[in-house]
Every structure is written in structure tokens, then in C-alpha cells.
Amino acid sequence: MIDISFAYNPSGPGKLFLPGVIWHSSSDKILLSFDDTPNPATTPLLLKQLNKLNIRALFFCIGRNAGNAPGLMNEIIAEEHLIAA
């Protein structure tokens, strides 16, 4: 088991993404980030789960991937997630 003593203590959704992690904090916020996106194999699954749980995340996008998947980029933006490069 991993002990992250500085992380957010999620009510449920965060624990779905990182099972087996012990959470301790007085904060009520967490920043989820996903690297090397958009990826047609994984990004649609992430977006579906994030949308289902009403969670916003930060997507670190690679220009080549973004150029190859403009529809996914539009979906990330439409669902009000943050984008970084």
C-alpha cells in the first residue's frame, strides 16, 4: 500500500482512480493530470469516467497527438477540462 500523506482524502471518485492508496489531508481539492494526450485508446475512456463522476482534470497534450485527434481535443475543451502543453 502507498501512503500519500499530503494528498486529498476523496469521498469516492479519487479512490476509484488510485485504489490501495491511503489518503490524508484537510484539503477538499485534488488535481488530476493526464500526460501525452489525447490518445485515442485511453482518452475517450478517461473522458467518459470523468464526465460520469463530474470531475474536471488537466490534460497535458502533445502537439502531434492533438493534431491527429482534433475531435478528442474538442471533447476535452467542451467538457471544460484544462489543457496544457
Protein backbone atom coordinates (compact mmCIF):
# COMPACT_ATOMS: atom_id res chain seq x y z
CA MET A 1 0.00 0.00 0.00
CA ILE A 2 1.17 3.53 -0.79
CA ASP A 3 0.83 6.26 1.86
CA ILE A 4 0.45 9.74 0.40
CA SER A 5 0.18 11.92 3.47
CA PHE A 6 -0.16 15.18 1.56
CA ALA A 7 -2.93 14.04 -0.81
CA TYR A 8 -6.62 14.81 -0.77
CA ASN A 9 -8.98 12.46 1.08
CA PRO A 10 -11.58 11.88 -1.66
CA SER A 11 -15.12 10.87 -0.87
CA GLY A 12 -15.07 8.17 -3.51
CA PRO A 13 -14.14 9.11 -7.10
CA GLY A 14 -10.46 9.68 -6.34
CA LYS A 15 -10.24 6.29 -4.72
CA LEU A 16 -11.57 4.73 -7.94
CA PHE A 17 -8.58 6.07 -9.85
CA LEU A 18 -5.96 5.10 -7.24
CA PRO A 19 -7.13 2.09 -5.23
CA GLY A 20 -4.81 0.97 -2.46
CA VAL A 21 -3.60 4.50 -1.67
CA ILE A 22 -4.04 5.83 1.87
CA TRP A 23 -5.23 9.43 1.69
CA HIS A 24 -4.69 12.05 4.43
CA SER A 25 -5.40 15.76 4.12
CA SER A 26 -7.62 18.57 5.28
CA SER A 27 -7.90 19.91 1.72
CA ASP A 28 -11.04 19.42 -0.34
CA LYS A 29 -9.31 19.62 -3.74
CA ILE A 30 -7.21 17.29 -5.91
CA LEU A 31 -5.64 17.91 -9.29
CA LEU A 32 -5.81 15.00 -11.71
CA SER A 33 -3.49 15.29 -14.67
CA PHE A 34 -3.05 13.05 -17.68
CA ASP A 35 0.11 13.15 -19.81
CA ASP A 36 0.76 12.59 -23.52
CA THR A 37 -2.83 13.19 -24.54
CA PRO A 38 -5.02 12.96 -26.47
CA ASN A 39 -4.64 9.23 -27.01
CA PRO A 40 -7.46 7.56 -28.98
CA ALA A 41 -7.01 4.35 -26.96
CA THR A 42 -7.35 5.90 -23.49
CA THR A 43 -8.66 9.47 -23.63
CA PRO A 44 -12.26 8.55 -24.55
CA LEU A 45 -12.39 6.16 -21.57
CA LEU A 46 -10.98 8.82 -19.24
CA LEU A 47 -13.40 11.45 -20.51
CA LYS A 48 -16.36 9.11 -20.07
CA GLN A 49 -15.42 8.28 -16.46
CA LEU A 50 -14.57 11.89 -15.57
CA ASN A 51 -17.87 13.09 -17.04
CA LYS A 52 -19.81 10.36 -15.20
CA LEU A 53 -18.25 11.47 -11.90
CA ASN A 54 -18.47 15.21 -12.72
CA ILE A 55 -14.71 15.62 -12.33
CA ARG A 56 -12.55 18.10 -14.25
CA ALA A 57 -8.90 17.29 -14.97
CA LEU A 58 -5.77 18.73 -16.55
CA PHE A 59 -4.66 17.16 -19.83
CA PHE A 60 -1.02 17.63 -20.90
CA CYS A 61 -1.29 17.46 -24.67
CA ILE A 62 1.37 16.66 -27.24
CA GLY A 63 1.08 18.65 -30.46
CA ARG A 64 1.39 15.59 -32.68
CA ASN A 65 -1.33 13.78 -30.73
CA ALA A 66 -3.57 16.85 -30.73
CA GLY A 67 -3.14 17.23 -34.49
CA ASN A 68 -4.04 13.59 -35.03
CA ALA A 69 -7.12 13.72 -32.79
CA PRO A 70 -8.84 17.10 -33.15
CA GLY A 71 -12.18 15.57 -32.16
CA LEU A 72 -10.76 14.47 -28.82
CA MET A 73 -9.27 17.91 -28.27
CA ASN A 74 -12.69 19.45 -28.92
CA GLU A 75 -14.27 17.00 -26.46
CA ILE A 76 -11.70 17.85 -23.77
CA ILE A 77 -12.45 21.54 -24.25
CA ALA A 78 -16.23 21.05 -24.44
CA GLU A 79 -16.22 19.17 -21.14
CA GLU A 80 -14.35 22.11 -19.52
CA HIS A 81 -11.12 20.31 -18.69
CA LEU A 82 -7.85 22.26 -18.60
CA ILE A 83 -5.25 21.79 -21.34
CA ALA A 84 -1.50 22.28 -21.01
CA ALA A 85 1.29 21.63 -23.46
